Amino acid sequence: MEANLLTPFEPTHPGELIRDELDARSLSQAALAKQIGVSASFLNEVINCKRAVNTELALLLEAALGISAEMWLGLQSEYNMQVAKADASFMDRLAAIRRIAAVL
């Protein structure tokens, strides 16, 4: 199996990477929240993986941190995909839909 086809055991939420970036820059959540004009509680929820990175936040992060909005959105999309694929009942639902579609 190729290494780039492997998926992490636990998907990585982009909030974890925002936290790492803040640590590397010695920047507090409150300072970043103030700089980009969002509430500290909102940013904290993203960093603690309780909220998704949306387009607006991705653009704000790009402006403040110099990391492209596309990267933040790609990370969020990959996280969402991994979470969905790890949901057995959802995957069963997809399989049922595919069986029906194959008959048509």
PDB file of N, CA and C in Angstrom:
ATOM      1  N   MET A   1       0.849  -1.183   0.000  1.00  0.00           N
ATOM      2  CA  MET A   1       0.000   0.000   0.000  1.00  0.00           C
ATOM      3  C   MET A   1       0.889   1.238   0.000  1.00  0.00           C
ATOM      4  N   GLU A   2       0.515   2.189  -0.810  1.00  0.00           N
ATOM      5  CA  GLU A   2       1.284   3.424  -0.876  1.00  0.00           C
ATOM      6  C   GLU A   2       0.992   4.299   0.332  1.00  0.00           C
ATOM      7  N   ALA A   3       2.015   4.952   0.822  1.00  0.00           N
ATOM      8  CA  ALA A   3       1.872   5.781   2.028  1.00  0.00           C
ATOM      9  C   ALA A   3       0.855   6.895   1.829  1.00  0.00           C
ATOM     10  N   ASN A   4       0.770   7.473   0.633  1.00  0.00           N
ATOM     11  CA  ASN A   4      -0.146   8.595   0.439  1.00  0.00           C
ATOM     12  C   ASN A   4      -1.604   8.147   0.334  1.00  0.00           C
ATOM     13  N   LEU A   5      -1.863   6.848   0.295  1.00  0.00           N
ATOM     14  CA  LEU A   5      -3.231   6.347   0.273  1.00  0.00           C
ATOM     15  C   LEU A   5      -3.741   6.013   1.668  1.00  0.00           C
ATOM     16  N   LEU A   6      -2.873   6.113   2.654  1.00  0.00           N
ATOM     17  CA  LEU A   6      -3.266   5.816   4.026  1.00  0.00           C
ATOM     18  C   LEU A   6      -4.064   6.965   4.612  1.00  0.00           C
ATOM     19  N   THR A   7      -5.024   6.627   5.453  1.00  0.00           N
ATOM     20  CA  THR A   7      -5.760   7.671   6.162  1.00  0.00           C
ATOM     21  C   THR A   7      -5.423   7.558   7.637  1.00  0.00           C
ATOM     22  N   PRO A   8      -5.370   8.677   8.334  1.00  0.00           N
ATOM     23  CA  PRO A   8      -5.025   8.630   9.754  1.00  0.00           C
ATOM     24  C   PRO A   8      -6.090   7.875  10.547  1.00  0.00           C
ATOM     25  N   PHE A   9      -5.666   7.257  11.636  1.00  0.00           N
ATOM     26  CA  PHE A   9      -6.604   6.552  12.502  1.00  0.00           C
ATOM     27  C   PHE A   9      -7.635   7.527  13.032  1.00  0.00           C
ATOM     28  N   GLU A  10      -7.186   8.654  13.478  1.00  0.00           N
ATOM     29  CA  GLU A  10      -8.070   9.736  13.915  1.00  0.00           C
ATOM     30  C   GLU A  10      -7.905  10.883  12.930  1.00  0.00           C
ATOM     31  N   PRO A  11      -8.989  11.319  12.300  1.00  0.00           N
ATOM     32  CA  PRO A  11      -8.847  12.444  11.375  1.00  0.00           C
ATOM     33  C   PRO A  11      -8.355  13.695  12.092  1.00  0.00           C
ATOM     34  N   THR A  12      -7.586  14.490  11.389  1.00  0.00           N
ATOM     35  CA  THR A  12      -7.054  15.721  11.969  1.00  0.00           C
ATOM     36  C   THR A  12      -7.933  16.894  11.579  1.00  0.00           C
ATOM     37  N   HIS A  13      -8.531  17.512  12.568  1.00  0.00           N
ATOM     38  CA  HIS A  13      -9.363  18.694  12.349  1.00  0.00           C
ATOM     39  C   HIS A  13      -8.434  19.884  12.119  1.00  0.00           C
ATOM     40  N   PRO A  14      -8.796  20.784  11.198  1.00  0.00           N
ATOM     41  CA  PRO A  14      -7.926  21.944  10.960  1.00  0.00           C
ATOM     42  C   PRO A  14      -7.707  22.804  12.199  1.00  0.00           C
ATOM     43  N   GLY A  15      -8.615  22.743  13.157  1.00  0.00           N
ATOM     44  CA  GLY A  15      -8.428  23.492  14.401  1.00  0.00           C
ATOM     45  C   GLY A  15      -7.153  23.100  15.127  1.00  0.00           C
ATOM     46  N   GLU A  16      -6.806  21.813  15.035  1.00  0.00           N
ATOM     47  CA  GLU A  16      -5.560  21.360  15.664  1.00  0.00           C
ATOM     48  C   GLU A  16      -4.355  22.026  15.012  1.00  0.00           C
ATOM     49  N   LEU A  17      -4.432  22.225  13.709  1.00  0.00           N
ATOM     50  CA  LEU A  17      -3.327  22.866  12.997  1.00  0.00           C
ATOM     51  C   LEU A  17      -3.282  24.362  13.272  1.00  0.00           C
ATOM     52  N   ILE A  18      -4.448  24.963  13.470  1.00  0.00           N
ATOM     53  CA  ILE A  18      -4.470  26.379  13.866  1.00  0.00           C
ATOM     54  C   ILE A  18      -3.783  26.520  15.223  1.00  0.00           C
ATOM     55  N   ARG A  19      -4.103  25.617  16.155  1.00  0.00           N
ATOM     56  CA  ARG A  19      -3.470  25.636  17.480  1.00  0.00           C
ATOM     57  C   ARG A  19      -1.957  25.513  17.349  1.00  0.00           C
ATOM     58  N   ASP A  20      -1.501  24.572  16.528  1.00  0.00           N
ATOM     59  CA  ASP A  20      -0.059  24.391  16.326  1.00  0.00           C
ATOM     60  C   ASP A  20       0.586  25.653  15.760  1.00  0.00           C
ATOM     61  N   GLU A  21      -0.114  26.283  14.819  1.00  0.00           N
ATOM     62  CA  GLU A  21       0.410  27.508  14.204  1.00  0.00           C
ATOM     63  C   GLU A  21       0.500  28.634  15.232  1.00  0.00           C
ATOM     64  N   LEU A  22      -0.498  28.751  16.081  1.00  0.00           N
ATOM     65  CA  LEU A  22      -0.465  29.774  17.132  1.00  0.00           C
ATOM     66  C   LEU A  22       0.686  29.518  18.096  1.00  0.00           C
ATOM     67  N   ASP A  23       0.866  28.245  18.477  1.00  0.00           N
ATOM     68  CA  ASP A  23       1.971  27.893  19.368  1.00  0.00           C
ATOM     69  C   ASP A  23       3.320  28.254  18.744  1.00  0.00           C
ATOM     70  N   ALA A  24       3.466  27.934  17.452  1.00  0.00           N
ATOM     71  CA  ALA A  24       4.737  28.207  16.764  1.00  0.00           C
ATOM     72  C   ALA A  24       5.028  29.708  16.689  1.00  0.00           C
ATOM     73  N   ARG A  25       3.974  30.505  16.655  1.00  0.00           N
ATOM     74  CA  ARG A  25       4.134  31.959  16.553  1.00  0.00           C
ATOM     75  C   ARG A  25       4.034  32.661  17.904  1.00  0.00           C
ATOM     76  N   SER A  26       3.851  31.883  18.966  1.00  0.00           N
ATOM     77  CA  SER A  26       3.643  32.436  20.314  1.00  0.00           C
ATOM     78  C   SER A  26       2.519  33.470  20.295  1.00  0.00           C
ATOM     79  N   LEU A  27       1.430  33.114  19.633  1.00  0.00           N
ATOM     80  CA  LEU A  27       0.275  33.988  19.490  1.00  0.00           C
ATOM     81  C   LEU A  27      -0.897  33.356  20.236  1.00  0.00           C
ATOM     82  N   SER A  28      -1.596  34.141  21.025  1.00  0.00           N
ATOM     83  CA  SER A  28      -2.728  33.602  21.782  1.00  0.00           C
ATOM     84  C   SER A  28      -3.977  33.541  20.908  1.00  0.00           C
ATOM     85  N   GLN A  29      -4.894  32.684  21.315  1.00  0.00           N
ATOM     86  CA  GLN A  29      -6.179  32.598  20.622  1.00  0.00           C
ATOM     87  C   GLN A  29      -6.891  33.949  20.670  1.00  0.00           C
ATOM     88  N   ALA A  30      -6.853  34.577  21.830  1.00  0.00           N
ATOM     89  CA  ALA A  30      -7.528  35.869  21.996  1.00  0.00           C
ATOM     90  C   ALA A  30      -6.937  36.918  21.062  1.00  0.00           C
ATOM     91  N   ALA A  31      -5.623  36.919  20.923  1.00  0.00           N
ATOM     92  CA  ALA A  31      -4.969  37.898  20.044  1.00  0.00           C
ATOM     93  C   ALA A  31      -5.347  37.659  18.586  1.00  0.00           C
ATOM     94  N   LEU A  32      -5.354  36.399  18.167  1.00  0.00           N
ATOM     95  CA  LEU A  32      -5.736  36.098  16.785  1.00  0.00           C
ATOM     96  C   LEU A  32      -7.203  36.442  16.557  1.00  0.00           C
ATOM     97  N   ALA A  33      -8.059  36.092  17.498  1.00  0.00           N
ATOM     98  CA  ALA A  33      -9.489  36.396  17.368  1.00  0.00           C
ATOM     99  C   ALA A  33      -9.699  37.900  17.200  1.00  0.00           C
ATOM    100  N   LYS A  34      -9.004  38.676  18.000  1.00  0.00           N
ATOM    101  CA  LYS A  34      -9.130  40.145  17.909  1.00  0.00           C
ATOM    102  C   LYS A  34      -8.616  40.638  16.562  1.00  0.00           C
ATOM    103  N   GLN A  35      -7.491  40.096  16.130  1.00  0.00           N
ATOM    104  CA  GLN A  35      -6.884  40.522  14.865  1.00  0.00           C
ATOM    105  C   GLN A  35      -7.810  40.256  13.686  1.00  0.00           C
ATOM    106  N   ILE A  36      -8.500  39.119  13.687  1.00  0.00           N
ATOM    107  CA  ILE A  36      -9.338  38.777  12.531  1.00  0.00           C
ATOM    108  C   ILE A  36     -10.807  39.159  12.725  1.00  0.00           C
ATOM    109  N   GLY A  37     -11.143  39.683  13.899  1.00  0.00           N
ATOM    110  CA  GLY A  37     -12.485  40.201  14.122  1.00  0.00           C
ATOM    111  C   GLY A  37     -13.554  39.157  14.379  1.00  0.00           C
ATOM    112  N   VAL A  38     -13.171  38.076  15.055  1.00  0.00           N
ATOM    113  CA  VAL A  38     -14.160  37.077  15.472  1.00  0.00           C
ATOM    114  C   VAL A  38     -14.107  36.971  16.994  1.00  0.00           C
ATOM    115  N   SER A  39     -15.139  36.396  17.556  1.00  0.00           N
ATOM    116  CA  SER A  39     -15.132  36.249  19.011  1.00  0.00           C
ATOM    117  C   SER A  39     -14.116  35.187  19.426  1.00  0.00           C
ATOM    118  N   ALA A  40     -13.563  35.384  20.594  1.00  0.00           N
ATOM    119  CA  ALA A  40     -12.595  34.417  21.125  1.00  0.00           C
ATOM    120  C   ALA A  40     -13.261  33.062  21.326  1.00  0.00           C
ATOM    121  N   SER A  41     -14.536  33.056  21.720  1.00  0.00           N
ATOM    122  CA  SER A  41     -15.230  31.784  21.931  1.00  0.00           C
ATOM    123  C   SER A  41     -15.427  31.037  20.613  1.00  0.00           C
ATOM    124  N   PHE A  42     -15.723  31.767  19.532  1.00  0.00           N
ATOM    125  CA  PHE A  42     -15.864  31.133  18.221  1.00  0.00           C
ATOM    126  C   PHE A  42     -14.550  30.478  17.804  1.00  0.00           C
ATOM    127  N   LEU A  43     -13.460  31.227  17.891  1.00  0.00           N
ATOM    128  CA  LEU A  43     -12.155  30.692  17.505  1.00  0.00           C
ATOM    129  C   LEU A  43     -11.781  29.507  18.387  1.00  0.00           C
ATOM    130  N   ASN A  44     -12.074  29.592  19.670  1.00  0.00           N
ATOM    131  CA  ASN A  44     -11.785  28.499  20.583  1.00  0.00           C
ATOM    132  C   ASN A  44     -12.543  27.233  20.193  1.00  0.00           C
ATOM    133  N   GLU A  45     -13.787  27.383  19.772  1.00  0.00           N
ATOM    134  CA  GLU A  45     -14.576  26.221  19.349  1.00  0.00           C
ATOM    135  C   GLU A  45     -13.977  25.582  18.098  1.00  0.00           C
ATOM    136  N   VAL A  46     -13.466  26.389  17.181  1.00  0.00           N
ATOM    137  CA  VAL A  46     -12.805  25.838  15.995  1.00  0.00           C
ATOM    138  C   VAL A  46     -11.537  25.110  16.415  1.00  0.00           C
ATOM    139  N   ILE A  47     -10.736  25.749  17.238  1.00  0.00           N
ATOM    140  CA  ILE A  47      -9.468  25.153  17.671  1.00  0.00           C
ATOM    141  C   ILE A  47      -9.696  23.868  18.462  1.00  0.00           C
ATOM    142  N   ASN A  48     -10.812  23.791  19.188  1.00  0.00           N
ATOM    143  CA  ASN A  48     -11.131  22.580  19.955  1.00  0.00           C
ATOM    144  C   ASN A  48     -11.996  21.604  19.162  1.00  0.00           C
ATOM    145  N   CYS A  49     -12.027  21.784  17.844  1.00  0.00           N
ATOM    146  CA  CYS A  49     -12.671  20.847  16.911  1.00  0.00           C
ATOM    147  C   CYS A  49     -14.176  20.724  17.112  1.00  0.00           C
ATOM    148  N   LYS A  50     -14.788  21.781  17.609  1.00  0.00           N
ATOM    149  CA  LYS A  50     -16.234  21.769  17.820  1.00  0.00           C
ATOM    150  C   LYS A  50     -16.975  22.504  16.714  1.00  0.00           C
ATOM    151  N   ARG A  51     -16.248  23.256  15.893  1.00  0.00           N
ATOM    152  CA  ARG A  51     -16.816  23.976  14.750  1.00  0.00           C
ATOM    153  C   ARG A  51     -15.900  23.758  13.552  1.00  0.00           C
ATOM    154  N   ALA A  52     -16.503  23.865  12.386  1.00  0.00           N
ATOM    155  CA  ALA A  52     -15.742  23.709  11.150  1.00  0.00           C
ATOM    156  C   ALA A  52     -15.130  25.038  10.717  1.00  0.00           C
ATOM    157  N   VAL A  53     -14.071  24.940   9.946  1.00  0.00           N
ATOM    158  CA  VAL A  53     -13.508  26.109   9.276  1.00  0.00           C
ATOM    159  C   VAL A  53     -14.371  26.363   8.052  1.00  0.00           C
ATOM    160  N   ASN A  54     -15.008  27.526   7.996  1.00  0.00           N
ATOM    161  CA  ASN A  54     -15.827  27.882   6.837  1.00  0.00           C
ATOM    162  C   ASN A  54     -15.029  28.811   5.924  1.00  0.00           C
ATOM    163  N   THR A  55     -15.631  29.171   4.814  1.00  0.00           N
ATOM    164  CA  THR A  55     -14.931  29.992   3.813  1.00  0.00           C
ATOM    165  C   THR A  55     -14.461  31.319   4.385  1.00  0.00           C
ATOM    166  N   GLU A  56     -15.341  31.988   5.132  1.00  0.00           N
ATOM    167  CA  GLU A  56     -14.971  33.293   5.677  1.00  0.00           C
ATOM    168  C   GLU A  56     -13.802  33.180   6.651  1.00  0.00           C
ATOM    169  N   LEU A  57     -13.866  32.190   7.541  1.00  0.00           N
ATOM    170  CA  LEU A  57     -12.767  32.008   8.493  1.00  0.00           C
ATOM    171  C   LEU A  57     -11.484  31.655   7.756  1.00  0.00           C
ATOM    172  N   ALA A  58     -11.583  30.817   6.743  1.00  0.00           N
ATOM    173  CA  ALA A  58     -10.394  30.449   5.972  1.00  0.00           C
ATOM    174  C   ALA A  58      -9.738  31.689   5.364  1.00  0.00           C
ATOM    175  N   LEU A  59     -10.550  32.596   4.835  1.00  0.00           N
ATOM    176  CA  LEU A  59     -10.002  33.834   4.260  1.00  0.00           C
ATOM    177  C   LEU A  59      -9.389  34.729   5.329  1.00  0.00           C
ATOM    178  N   LEU A  60     -10.023  34.786   6.490  1.00  0.00           N
ATOM    179  CA  LEU A  60      -9.463  35.574   7.599  1.00  0.00           C
ATOM    180  C   LEU A  60      -8.134  34.988   8.066  1.00  0.00           C
ATOM    181  N   LEU A  61      -8.071  33.667   8.169  1.00  0.00           N
ATOM    182  CA  LEU A  61      -6.821  33.008   8.583  1.00  0.00           C
ATOM    183  C   LEU A  61      -5.716  33.242   7.552  1.00  0.00           C
ATOM    184  N   GLU A  62      -6.100  33.206   6.282  1.00  0.00           N
ATOM    185  CA  GLU A  62      -5.119  33.478   5.229  1.00  0.00           C
ATOM    186  C   GLU A  62      -4.530  34.883   5.390  1.00  0.00           C
ATOM    187  N   ALA A  63      -5.395  35.854   5.642  1.00  0.00           N
ATOM    188  CA  ALA A  63      -4.930  37.233   5.803  1.00  0.00           C
ATOM    189  C   ALA A  63      -4.014  37.379   7.014  1.00  0.00           C
ATOM    190  N   ALA A  64      -4.357  36.695   8.106  1.00  0.00           N
ATOM    191  CA  ALA A  64      -3.598  36.857   9.349  1.00  0.00           C
ATOM    192  C   ALA A  64      -2.344  35.989   9.413  1.00  0.00           C
ATOM    193  N   LEU A  65      -2.432  34.769   8.878  1.00  0.00           N
ATOM    194  CA  LEU A  65      -1.335  33.819   9.056  1.00  0.00           C
ATOM    195  C   LEU A  65      -0.532  33.564   7.783  1.00  0.00           C
ATOM    196  N   GLY A  66      -1.062  34.023   6.646  1.00  0.00           N
ATOM    197  CA  GLY A  66      -0.345  33.810   5.391  1.00  0.00           C
ATOM    198  C   GLY A  66      -0.430  32.382   4.880  1.00  0.00           C
ATOM    199  N   ILE A  67      -1.385  31.621   5.375  1.00  0.00           N
ATOM    200  CA  ILE A  67      -1.596  30.242   4.923  1.00  0.00           C
ATOM    201  C   ILE A  67      -2.886  30.253   4.114  1.00  0.00           C
ATOM    202  N   SER A  68      -2.832  29.738   2.904  1.00  0.00           N
ATOM    203  CA  SER A  68      -3.928  29.910   1.958  1.00  0.00           C
ATOM    204  C   SER A  68      -5.277  29.402   2.464  1.00  0.00           C
ATOM    205  N   ALA A  69      -6.306  30.148   2.089  1.00  0.00           N
ATOM    206  CA  ALA A  69      -7.677  29.761   2.428  1.00  0.00           C
ATOM    207  C   ALA A  69      -8.000  28.400   1.821  1.00  0.00           C
ATOM    208  N   GLU A  70      -7.483  28.141   0.639  1.00  0.00           N
ATOM    209  CA  GLU A  70      -7.726  26.854  -0.012  1.00  0.00           C
ATOM    210  C   GLU A  70      -7.188  25.700   0.820  1.00  0.00           C
ATOM    211  N   MET A  71      -6.037  25.916   1.457  1.00  0.00           N
ATOM    212  CA  MET A  71      -5.483  24.853   2.292  1.00  0.00           C
ATOM    213  C   MET A  71      -6.388  24.581   3.482  1.00  0.00           C
ATOM    214  N   TRP A  72      -6.861  25.647   4.155  1.00  0.00           N
ATOM    215  CA  TRP A  72      -7.738  25.461   5.318  1.00  0.00           C
ATOM    216  C   TRP A  72      -9.023  24.742   4.912  1.00  0.00           C
ATOM    217  N   LEU A  73      -9.590  25.144   3.782  1.00  0.00           N
ATOM    218  CA  LEU A  73     -10.830  24.521   3.323  1.00  0.00           C
ATOM    219  C   LEU A  73     -10.592  23.080   2.881  1.00  0.00           C
ATOM    220  N   GLY A  74      -9.447  22.830   2.270  1.00  0.00           N
ATOM    221  CA  GLY A  74      -9.104  21.457   1.885  1.00  0.00           C
ATOM    222  C   GLY A  74      -8.944  20.555   3.098  1.00  0.00           C
ATOM    223  N   LEU A  75      -8.308  21.069   4.132  1.00  0.00           N
ATOM    224  CA  LEU A  75      -8.154  20.294   5.371  1.00  0.00           C
ATOM    225  C   LEU A  75      -9.511  19.987   5.992  1.00  0.00           C
ATOM    226  N   GLN A  76     -10.403  20.987   5.983  1.00  0.00           N
ATOM    227  CA  GLN A  76     -11.737  20.773   6.550  1.00  0.00           C
ATOM    228  C   GLN A  76     -12.505  19.747   5.727  1.00  0.00           C
ATOM    229  N   SER A  77     -12.412  19.846   4.426  1.00  0.00           N
ATOM    230  CA  SER A  77     -13.103  18.906   3.548  1.00  0.00           C
ATOM    231  C   SER A  77     -12.593  17.484   3.757  1.00  0.00           C
ATOM    232  N   GLU A  78     -11.286  17.321   3.850  1.00  0.00           N
ATOM    233  CA  GLU A  78     -10.695  16.000   4.082  1.00  0.00           C
ATOM    234  C   GLU A  78     -11.127  15.447   5.442  1.00  0.00           C
ATOM    235  N   TYR A  79     -11.151  16.299   6.452  1.00  0.00           N
ATOM    236  CA  TYR A  79     -11.612  15.884   7.776  1.00  0.00           C
ATOM    237  C   TYR A  79     -13.068  15.406   7.704  1.00  0.00           C
ATOM    238  N   ASN A  80     -13.920  16.197   7.045  1.00  0.00           N
ATOM    239  CA  ASN A  80     -15.332  15.830   6.919  1.00  0.00           C
ATOM    240  C   ASN A  80     -15.487  14.493   6.210  1.00  0.00           C
ATOM    241  N   MET A  81     -14.712  14.270   5.150  1.00  0.00           N
ATOM    242  CA  MET A  81     -14.782  13.021   4.396  1.00  0.00           C
ATOM    243  C   MET A  81     -14.368  11.842   5.260  1.00  0.00           C
ATOM    244  N   GLN A  82     -13.300  11.997   6.015  1.00  0.00           N
ATOM    245  CA  GLN A  82     -12.824  10.905   6.871  1.00  0.00           C
ATOM    246  C   GLN A  82     -13.836  10.577   7.959  1.00  0.00           C
ATOM    247  N   VAL A  83     -14.453  11.604   8.532  1.00  0.00           N
ATOM    248  CA  VAL A  83     -15.464  11.380   9.573  1.00  0.00           C
ATOM    249  C   VAL A  83     -16.665  10.646   8.978  1.00  0.00           C
ATOM    250  N   ALA A  84     -17.102  11.065   7.797  1.00  0.00           N
ATOM    251  CA  ALA A  84     -18.241  10.413   7.152  1.00  0.00           C
ATOM    252  C   ALA A  84     -17.931   8.956   6.834  1.00  0.00           C
ATOM    253  N   LYS A  85     -16.734   8.684   6.309  1.00  0.00           N
ATOM    254  CA  LYS A  85     -16.357   7.314   5.961  1.00  0.00           C
ATOM    255  C   LYS A  85     -16.175   6.428   7.181  1.00  0.00           C
ATOM    256  N   ALA A  86     -15.935   7.020   8.327  1.00  0.00           N
ATOM    257  CA  ALA A  86     -15.776   6.248   9.562  1.00  0.00           C
ATOM    258  C   ALA A  86     -17.116   5.924  10.213  1.00  0.00           C
ATOM    259  N   ASP A  87     -18.189   6.523   9.707  1.00  0.00           N
ATOM    260  CA  ASP A  87     -19.529   6.309  10.254  1.00  0.00           C
ATOM    261  C   ASP A  87     -20.139   5.082   9.581  1.00  0.00           C
ATOM    262  N   ALA A  88     -20.168   3.964  10.305  1.00  0.00           N
ATOM    263  CA  ALA A  88     -20.619   2.690   9.729  1.00  0.00           C
ATOM    264  C   ALA A  88     -22.056   2.760   9.226  1.00  0.00           C
ATOM    265  N   SER A  89     -22.939   3.402   9.972  1.00  0.00           N
ATOM    266  CA  SER A  89     -24.340   3.452   9.529  1.00  0.00           C
ATOM    267  C   SER A  89     -24.478   4.285   8.246  1.00  0.00           C
ATOM    268  N   PHE A  90     -23.708   5.334   8.127  1.00  0.00           N
ATOM    269  CA  PHE A  90     -23.742   6.130   6.902  1.00  0.00           C
ATOM    270  C   PHE A  90     -23.198   5.324   5.730  1.00  0.00           C
ATOM    271  N   MET A  91     -22.116   4.593   5.956  1.00  0.00           N
ATOM    272  CA  MET A  91     -21.543   3.780   4.889  1.00  0.00           C
ATOM    273  C   MET A  91     -22.508   2.677   4.467  1.00  0.00           C
ATOM    274  N   ASP A  92     -23.253   2.108   5.411  1.00  0.00           N
ATOM    275  CA  ASP A  92     -24.290   1.120   5.068  1.00  0.00           C
ATOM    276  C   ASP A  92     -25.358   1.766   4.190  1.00  0.00           C
ATOM    277  N   ARG A  93     -25.744   2.974   4.533  1.00  0.00           N
ATOM    278  CA  ARG A  93     -26.736   3.715   3.743  1.00  0.00           C
ATOM    279  C   ARG A  93     -26.237   3.946   2.320  1.00  0.00           C
ATOM    280  N   LEU A  94     -24.966   4.342   2.182  1.00  0.00           N
ATOM    281  CA  LEU A  94     -24.386   4.531   0.851  1.00  0.00           C
ATOM    282  C   LEU A  94     -24.379   3.229   0.058  1.00  0.00           C
ATOM    283  N   ALA A  95     -24.020   2.145   0.712  1.00  0.00           N
ATOM    284  CA  ALA A  95     -23.986   0.849   0.032  1.00  0.00           C
ATOM    285  C   ALA A  95     -25.373   0.463  -0.476  1.00  0.00           C
ATOM    286  N   ALA A  96     -26.393   0.717   0.332  1.00  0.00           N
ATOM    287  CA  ALA A  96     -27.766   0.409  -0.084  1.00  0.00           C
ATOM    288  C   ALA A  96     -28.162   1.248  -1.296  1.00  0.00           C
ATOM    289  N   ILE A  97     -27.806   2.520  -1.288  1.00  0.00           N
ATOM    290  CA  ILE A  97     -28.113   3.395  -2.424  1.00  0.00           C
ATOM    291  C   ILE A  97     -27.391   2.908  -3.674  1.00  0.00           C
ATOM    292  N   ARG A  98     -26.140   2.501  -3.530  1.00  0.00           N
ATOM    293  CA  ARG A  98     -25.366   2.018  -4.681  1.00  0.00           C
ATOM    294  C   ARG A  98     -25.966   0.733  -5.251  1.00  0.00           C
ATOM    295  N   ARG A  99     -26.460  -0.139  -4.376  1.00  0.00           N
ATOM    296  CA  ARG A  99     -27.091  -1.376  -4.854  1.00  0.00           C
ATOM    297  C   ARG A  99     -28.333  -1.056  -5.681  1.00  0.00           C
ATOM    298  N   ILE A 100     -29.132  -0.108  -5.186  1.00  0.00           N
ATOM    299  CA  ILE A 100     -30.334   0.296  -5.906  1.00  0.00           C
ATOM    300  C   ILE A 100     -29.975   0.939  -7.243  1.00  0.00           C
ATOM    301  N   ALA A 101     -28.980   1.807  -7.216  1.00  0.00           N
ATOM    302  CA  ALA A 101     -28.556   2.501  -8.442  1.00  0.00           C
ATOM    303  C   ALA A 101     -27.993   1.527  -9.477  1.00  0.00           C
ATOM    304  N   ALA A 102     -27.352   0.453  -9.036  1.00  0.00           N
ATOM    305  CA  ALA A 102     -26.769  -0.525  -9.947  1.00  0.00           C
ATOM    306  C   ALA A 102     -27.856  -1.295 -10.681  1.00  0.00           C
ATOM    307  N   VAL A 103     -29.006  -1.444 -10.080  1.00  0.00           N
ATOM    308  CA  VAL A 103     -30.119  -2.166 -10.683  1.00  0.00           C
ATOM    309  C   VAL A 103     -30.791  -1.318 -11.762  1.00  0.00           C
ATOM    310  N   LEU A 104     -30.777  -0.028 -11.574  1.00  0.00           N
ATOM    311  CA  LEU A 104     -31.451   0.869 -12.526  1.00  0.00           C
ATOM    312  C   LEU A 104     -30.701   1.007 -13.778  1.00  0.00           C
TER     313      LEU A 104
END
